[in-house]
Every structure is written in structure tokens, then in C-alpha cells.
C-alpha atoms as a PDB file:
ATOM      1  CA  MET A   1     -99.613 -39.151 123.219  1.00  0.00           C
ATOM      2  CA  LYS A   2     -96.691 -38.433 121.138  1.00  0.00           C
ATOM      3  CA  THR A   3     -97.955 -40.714 118.112  1.00  0.00           C
ATOM      4  CA  LYS A   4    -101.364 -38.941 118.374  1.00  0.00           C
ATOM      5  CA  LEU A   5     -99.661 -35.473 118.003  1.00  0.00           C
ATOM      6  CA  LEU A   6     -97.447 -36.944 115.231  1.00  0.00           C
ATOM      7  CA  ARG A   7    -100.237 -38.143 113.424  1.00  0.00           C
ATOM      8  CA  PHE A   8    -102.245 -34.838 113.992  1.00  0.00           C
ATOM      9  CA  TYR A   9     -99.403 -32.638 112.389  1.00  0.00           C
ATOM     10  CA  LEU A  10     -97.885 -35.187 109.892  1.00  0.00           C
ATOM     11  CA  LEU A  11    -100.975 -36.271 108.045  1.00  0.00           C
ATOM     12  CA  PRO A  12    -102.151 -32.776 106.964  1.00  0.00           C
ATOM     13  CA  ALA A  13     -98.556 -31.873 105.867  1.00  0.00           C
ATOM     14  CA  VAL A  14     -98.390 -34.990 103.893  1.00  0.00           C
ATOM     15  CA  LEU A  15    -101.755 -34.231 102.288  1.00  0.00           C
ATOM     16  CA  LEU A  16    -100.940 -30.696 101.747  1.00  0.00           C
ATOM     17  CA  THR A  17     -97.792 -31.619 100.125  1.00  0.00           C
ATOM     18  CA  ALA A  18     -99.218 -34.119  97.926  1.00  0.00           C
ATOM     19  CA  LEU A  19    -102.007 -31.536  96.892  1.00  0.00           C
ATOM     20  CA  LEU A  20     -99.307 -28.779  95.847  1.00  0.00           C
ATOM     21  CA  VAL A  21     -97.385 -31.469  93.877  1.00  0.00           C
ATOM     22  CA  SER A  22    -100.376 -32.361  92.047  1.00  0.00           C
ATOM     23  CA  ALA A  23    -101.304 -28.923  91.333  1.00  0.00           C
ATOM     24  CA  LEU A  24     -97.912 -28.240  90.005  1.00  0.00           C
ATOM     25  CA  LEU A  25     -97.891 -31.313  87.823  1.00  0.00           C
ATOM     26  CA  ALA A  26    -101.167 -30.477  86.511  1.00  0.00           C
ATOM     27  CA  GLY A  27     -99.693 -26.945  85.226  1.00  0.00           C
ATOM     28  CA  CYS A  28     -96.955 -28.579  83.509  1.00  0.00           C
ATOM     29  CA  THR A  29     -98.518 -29.719  80.214  1.00  0.00           C
ATOM     30  CA  LYS A  30     -96.748 -31.331  77.452  1.00  0.00           C
ATOM     31  CA  SER A  31     -99.360 -30.391  75.155  1.00  0.00           C
ATOM     32  CA  ALA A  32     -99.356 -27.389  72.576  1.00  0.00           C
ATOM     33  CA  PRO A  33    -101.767 -24.728  72.766  1.00  0.00           C
ATOM     34  CA  PRO A  34    -105.163 -25.476  70.758  1.00  0.00           C
ATOM     35  CA  CYS A  35    -105.562 -24.237  67.135  1.00  0.00           C
ATOM     36  CA  ASP A  36    -107.463 -21.102  68.274  1.00  0.00           C
ATOM     37  CA  ASN A  37    -105.241 -20.174  71.132  1.00  0.00           C
ATOM     38  CA  ILE A  38    -103.967 -16.436  70.772  1.00  0.00           C
ATOM     39  CA  GLU A  39    -100.378 -17.707  71.032  1.00  0.00           C
ATOM     40  CA  THR A  40    -100.708 -20.071  68.374  1.00  0.00           C
ATOM     41  CA  VAL A  41    -102.744 -17.655  66.096  1.00  0.00           C
ATOM     42  CA  ASP A  42     -99.847 -14.842  66.617  1.00  0.00           C
ATOM     43  CA  ALA A  43     -97.298 -17.619  65.776  1.00  0.00           C
ATOM     44  CA  VAL A  44     -99.115 -18.067  62.530  1.00  0.00           C
ATOM     45  CA  ILE A  45     -99.657 -14.305  61.673  1.00  0.00           C
ATOM     46  CA  ASN A  46     -95.707 -14.231  62.274  1.00  0.00           C
ATOM     47  CA  ALA A  47     -95.185 -16.901  59.873  1.00  0.00           C
ATOM     48  CA  VAL A  48     -97.473 -15.397  57.171  1.00  0.00           C
ATOM     49  CA  SER A  49     -95.535 -11.974  57.773  1.00  0.00           C
ATOM     50  CA  GLU A  50     -92.083 -13.424  57.351  1.00  0.00           C
ATOM     51  CA  ASN A  51     -93.297 -15.428  54.304  1.00  0.00           C
ATOM     52  CA  LEU A  52     -94.506 -12.015  52.728  1.00  0.00           C
ATOM     53  CA  LYS A  53     -91.453 -10.382  53.662  1.00  0.00           C
ATOM     54  CA  LYS A  54     -89.311 -13.171  51.838  1.00  0.00           C
ATOM     55  CA  ASP A  55     -91.564 -12.823  48.771  1.00  0.00           C
ATOM     56  CA  PHE A  56     -91.194  -9.021  48.678  1.00  0.00           C
ATOM     57  CA  LYS A  57     -87.374  -9.300  48.973  1.00  0.00           C
ATOM     58  CA  SER A  58     -87.111 -11.763  46.280  1.00  0.00           C
ATOM     59  CA  LEU A  59     -89.230  -9.518  43.896  1.00  0.00           C
ATOM     60  CA  THR A  60     -87.002  -6.479  44.662  1.00  0.00           C
ATOM     61  CA  SER A  61     -83.636  -8.245  44.661  1.00  0.00           C
ATOM     62  CA  PHE A  62     -83.551  -8.859  40.734  1.00  0.00           C
ATOM     63  CA  GLN A  63     -82.750  -5.122  40.071  1.00  0.00           C
ATOM     64  CA  PRO A  64     -79.608  -3.781  41.519  1.00  0.00           C
ATOM     65  CA  GLY A  65     -80.108  -1.166  44.165  1.00  0.00           C
ATOM     66  CA  MET A  66     -83.578  -2.035  44.605  1.00  0.00           C
ATOM     67  CA  GLU A  67     -83.298  -4.508  47.709  1.00  0.00           C
ATOM     68  CA  LEU A  68     -85.988  -4.003  50.351  1.00  0.00           C
ATOM     69  CA  SER A  69     -84.535  -2.591  53.401  1.00  0.00           C
ATOM     70  CA  ASP A  70     -85.819  -3.472  56.868  1.00  0.00           C
ATOM     71  CA  ASP A  71     -87.470  -0.024  57.257  1.00  0.00           C
ATOM     72  CA  GLU A  72     -89.207  -0.137  53.966  1.00  0.00           C
ATOM     73  CA  TRP A  73     -90.666  -3.615  54.983  1.00  0.00           C
ATOM     74  CA  ARG A  74     -91.849  -2.300  58.410  1.00  0.00           C
ATOM     75  CA  LEU A  75     -93.603   0.613  56.482  1.00  0.00           C
ATOM     76  CA  MET A  76     -95.224  -1.983  54.016  1.00  0.00           C
ATOM     77  CA  ARG A  77     -96.091  -4.211  56.906  1.00  0.00           C
ATOM     78  CA  SER A  78     -97.719  -1.342  58.871  1.00  0.00           C
ATOM     79  CA  GLY A  79    -100.356  -1.061  55.997  1.00  0.00           C
ATOM     80  CA  MET A  80    -101.452  -4.683  56.261  1.00  0.00           C
ATOM     81  CA  ILE A  81    -103.789  -6.380  58.514  1.00  0.00           C
ATOM     82  CA  ILE A  82    -103.417 -10.013  58.879  1.00  0.00           C
ATOM     83  CA  THR A  83    -105.946 -12.361  60.478  1.00  0.00           C
ATOM     84  CA  VAL A  84    -106.679 -15.894  60.960  1.00  0.00           C
ATOM     85  CA  LYS A  85    -110.398 -17.031  60.911  1.00  0.00           C
ATOM     86  CA  ASN A  86    -112.309 -20.275  60.744  1.00  0.00           C
ATOM     87  CA  MET A  87    -109.800 -22.076  62.704  1.00  0.00           C
ATOM     88  CA  THR A  88    -110.560 -25.768  63.052  1.00  0.00           C
ATOM     89  CA  GLN A  89    -108.667 -28.629  64.477  1.00  0.00           C
ATOM     90  CA  LEU A  90    -107.999 -31.405  62.163  1.00  0.00           C
ATOM     91  CA  SER A  91    -106.445 -33.750  64.468  1.00  0.00           C
ATOM     92  CA  TYR A  92    -104.694 -34.109  67.799  1.00  0.00           C
ATOM     93  CA  ASP A  93    -101.759 -36.288  68.681  1.00  0.00           C
ATOM     94  CA  GLU A  94    -101.943 -37.333  72.411  1.00  0.00           C
ATOM     95  CA  GLY A  95     -98.601 -38.856  72.355  1.00  0.00           C
ATOM     96  CA  THR A  96     -96.924 -35.594  71.064  1.00  0.00           C
ATOM     97  CA  GLY A  97     -99.312 -33.241  72.279  1.00  0.00           C
ATOM     98  CA  GLN A  98     -99.376 -31.857  68.671  1.00  0.00           C
ATOM     99  CA  TYR A  99    -102.376 -30.238  66.882  1.00  0.00           C
ATOM    100  CA  GLU A 100    -103.005 -30.114  63.122  1.00  0.00           C
ATOM    101  CA  CYS A 101    -105.328 -27.149  62.250  1.00  0.00           C
ATOM    102  CA  ALA A 102    -106.739 -25.354  59.400  1.00  0.00           C
ATOM    103  CA  GLY A 103    -107.878 -21.843  58.830  1.00  0.00           C
ATOM    104  CA  ASP A 104    -108.188 -18.833  56.375  1.00  0.00           C
ATOM    105  CA  VAL A 105    -105.467 -16.114  56.503  1.00  0.00           C
ATOM    106  CA  THR A 106    -106.906 -12.956  55.379  1.00  0.00           C
ATOM    107  CA  ILE A 107    -104.344 -10.212  54.533  1.00  0.00           C
ATOM    108  CA  ASN A 108    -106.002  -6.592  54.084  1.00  0.00           C
ATOM    109  CA  GLY A 109    -103.617  -4.128  52.356  1.00  0.00           C
ATOM    110  CA  VAL A 110    -103.755  -0.949  50.287  1.00  0.00           C
ATOM    111  CA  SER A 111    -104.035  -3.062  47.118  1.00  0.00           C
ATOM    112  CA  GLY A 112    -107.179  -5.251  48.335  1.00  0.00           C
ATOM    113  CA  THR A 113    -108.019  -8.306  50.357  1.00  0.00           C
ATOM    114  CA  GLU A 114    -106.712 -11.752  49.750  1.00  0.00           C
ATOM    115  CA  ALA A 115    -107.738 -14.893  51.726  1.00  0.00           C
ATOM    116  CA  ILE A 116    -105.451 -17.939  51.627  1.00  0.00           C
ATOM    117  CA  PRO A 117    -106.455 -21.200  53.095  1.00  0.00           C
ATOM    118  CA  VAL A 118    -103.790 -22.638  55.167  1.00  0.00           C
ATOM    119  CA  THR A 119    -102.841 -25.740  57.325  1.00  0.00           C
ATOM    120  CA  TYR A 120    -100.671 -25.393  60.473  1.00  0.00           C
ATOM    121  CA  THR A 121     -99.227 -27.541  63.204  1.00  0.00           C
ATOM    122  CA  SER A 122     -98.789 -26.484  66.754  1.00  0.00           C
ATOM    123  CA  ARG A 123     -96.343 -28.368  68.917  1.00  0.00           C
ATOM    124  CA  LEU A 124     -94.066 -27.710  71.937  1.00  0.00           C
ATOM    125  CA  LEU A 125     -90.431 -28.323  71.846  1.00  0.00           C
ATOM    126  CA  GLU A 126     -88.344 -30.021  74.334  1.00  0.00           C
ATOM    127  CA  SER A 127     -87.499 -26.545  75.754  1.00  0.00           C
ATOM    128  CA  GLY A 128     -91.250 -25.559  76.060  1.00  0.00           C
ATOM    129  CA  GLU A 129     -91.027 -23.206  73.434  1.00  0.00           C
ATOM    130  CA  LEU A 130     -94.061 -23.299  70.825  1.00  0.00           C
ATOM    131  CA  GLU A 131     -93.384 -24.304  67.160  1.00  0.00           C
ATOM    132  CA  VAL A 132     -95.951 -23.390  64.704  1.00  0.00           C
ATOM    133  CA  THR A 133     -95.381 -24.653  61.183  1.00  0.00           C
ATOM    134  CA  VAL A 134     -97.797 -23.006  58.345  1.00  0.00           C
ATOM    135  CA  SER A 135     -98.496 -24.601  54.958  1.00  0.00           C
ATOM    136  CA  GLY A 136    -100.194 -23.484  51.946  1.00  0.00           C
ATOM    137  CA  LEU A 137     -98.549 -20.048  51.569  1.00  0.00           C
ATOM    138  CA  ASP A 138     -96.724 -20.816  48.476  1.00  0.00           C
END
């Protein structure tokens, strides 16, 4: 009788525990988000924005007293719309969970529109933080 009761309660508890553990492990992926994921696209846009800021600062630093302040940069940046279109996956490394991607960065500003073809990689660091590296901006 004791064995039947133990089996009656123990078996469902073990199965429930196994189900919870497998659900938790399935949620812990070592793969970066894909090329068109909003988090990846936002990281590409941030990298483009930082590259533009660096370029503008280098242009103004040649003349004394003409350095670009953070407030001036924010004002300039607010007049720009940066988008990423035509995102495609070039490759995926199952071992590292890294994606290699391509896309077209479009910058709309007061002086017009510029489209730049770029490639970018998306990978997760050991800390779980997303790292996106963009090439083709220079």
C-alpha cells in the first residue's frame, strides 16, 4: 500500500520536475538573435549613430573652438532617421551561435538620403550580452 501511494505521488512529481527543467533549459539559448530581430537591428542603428558622431567630431576638431558638443550632436541626431532594410542572413555558426548578416542602412537627414550596404555579425557574449559588429561604414 505504501509503495502504491509513493509511486502515485512520486512519479508525477518527478515528471513535473523534469518538465520544468527542460522548459527552463529550452529558454536558455546560447544563440544570438537573428539578423532581423529588433534587438539586433537597434544595435546596428546604435553602431551607425556612434560612427556618425565620431565622424562629425573628427570634422569639427580641426578648428580650435569648433568641437562638437554632446548637445549639438543630440540636436543633429534628432534630425536623422536611421533604418536598416533588406536584412539577410549570410551564415550561421551553430557552434558559436553567431549570425553573419547583410543589410542596407538608410540615413535620412536634412541634407538628403544616403544608403550604405553593410555587413554585421550578431553574437552573445559569455555574460549573455548581445554584441553586434558592423562593417562597411568607413
